[in-house]
Amino acid sequence: DLLRAELEAAIAQVPANGNREGEGDGAGDAGRNVERWREGLSRNRDLGDALKVLPVKSLSCKRIERRTCISLETFIHDYFLRESPVILSGCIDHWPARTKWKDIKYLERIAGDRTIPVEVGKSYVCNEWRHDLITFSHFLKRMSSPDCSGNLTYLAQHPLFDQVTYS
């Protein structure tokens, strides 16, 4: 019950802390979900499962630190080995994929002619569900189509970006 009390106390602090200035990245999302958490706790819904995946000291932290672009060594020493949670930001801002993969023309240029396996349909248990082989360009057109809801298409487990040359 002590662990439950700590969890409830942490949840109660969320609306009080809210989305503090300078803390973007969805910090306010937690505040909007407080009632849902409380409802789940009151019914003991999945509490045991949630507690199994939480880091050992995560419920005893008064505040989760936010850090920007720390080194791997700092992360391991200050957080990983101490099993202390941290919110990291800016760590992948330099990755080219963050900008290049938003550009449909770039994706078509490097991989458009590749044939890829896709899954079509709402769920694999539906009668209409099927596998197709289409080009990546065709897949991108389906994804950007305003009428894609009737033809839900998912890129199946396929190492597409291992097969293309980046520029």
Foldseek 3Di string as FASTA:
>chain_A
DVLLVLVLVVLVCLVVCAQDPPRDPCSNVSVVCSVVVVVCVVVVPCVVVVVVPQFPCASVDPDAEEDEQDDPVCCCVVDVVVVGHHHYPPNCPVPPCVPQVVDLVSCCVFFQAPWFKKWWDDDPVDPPIDIDIDGVVVVVCLVPDPPNPVTPIGGPPDPRVVPTDHD
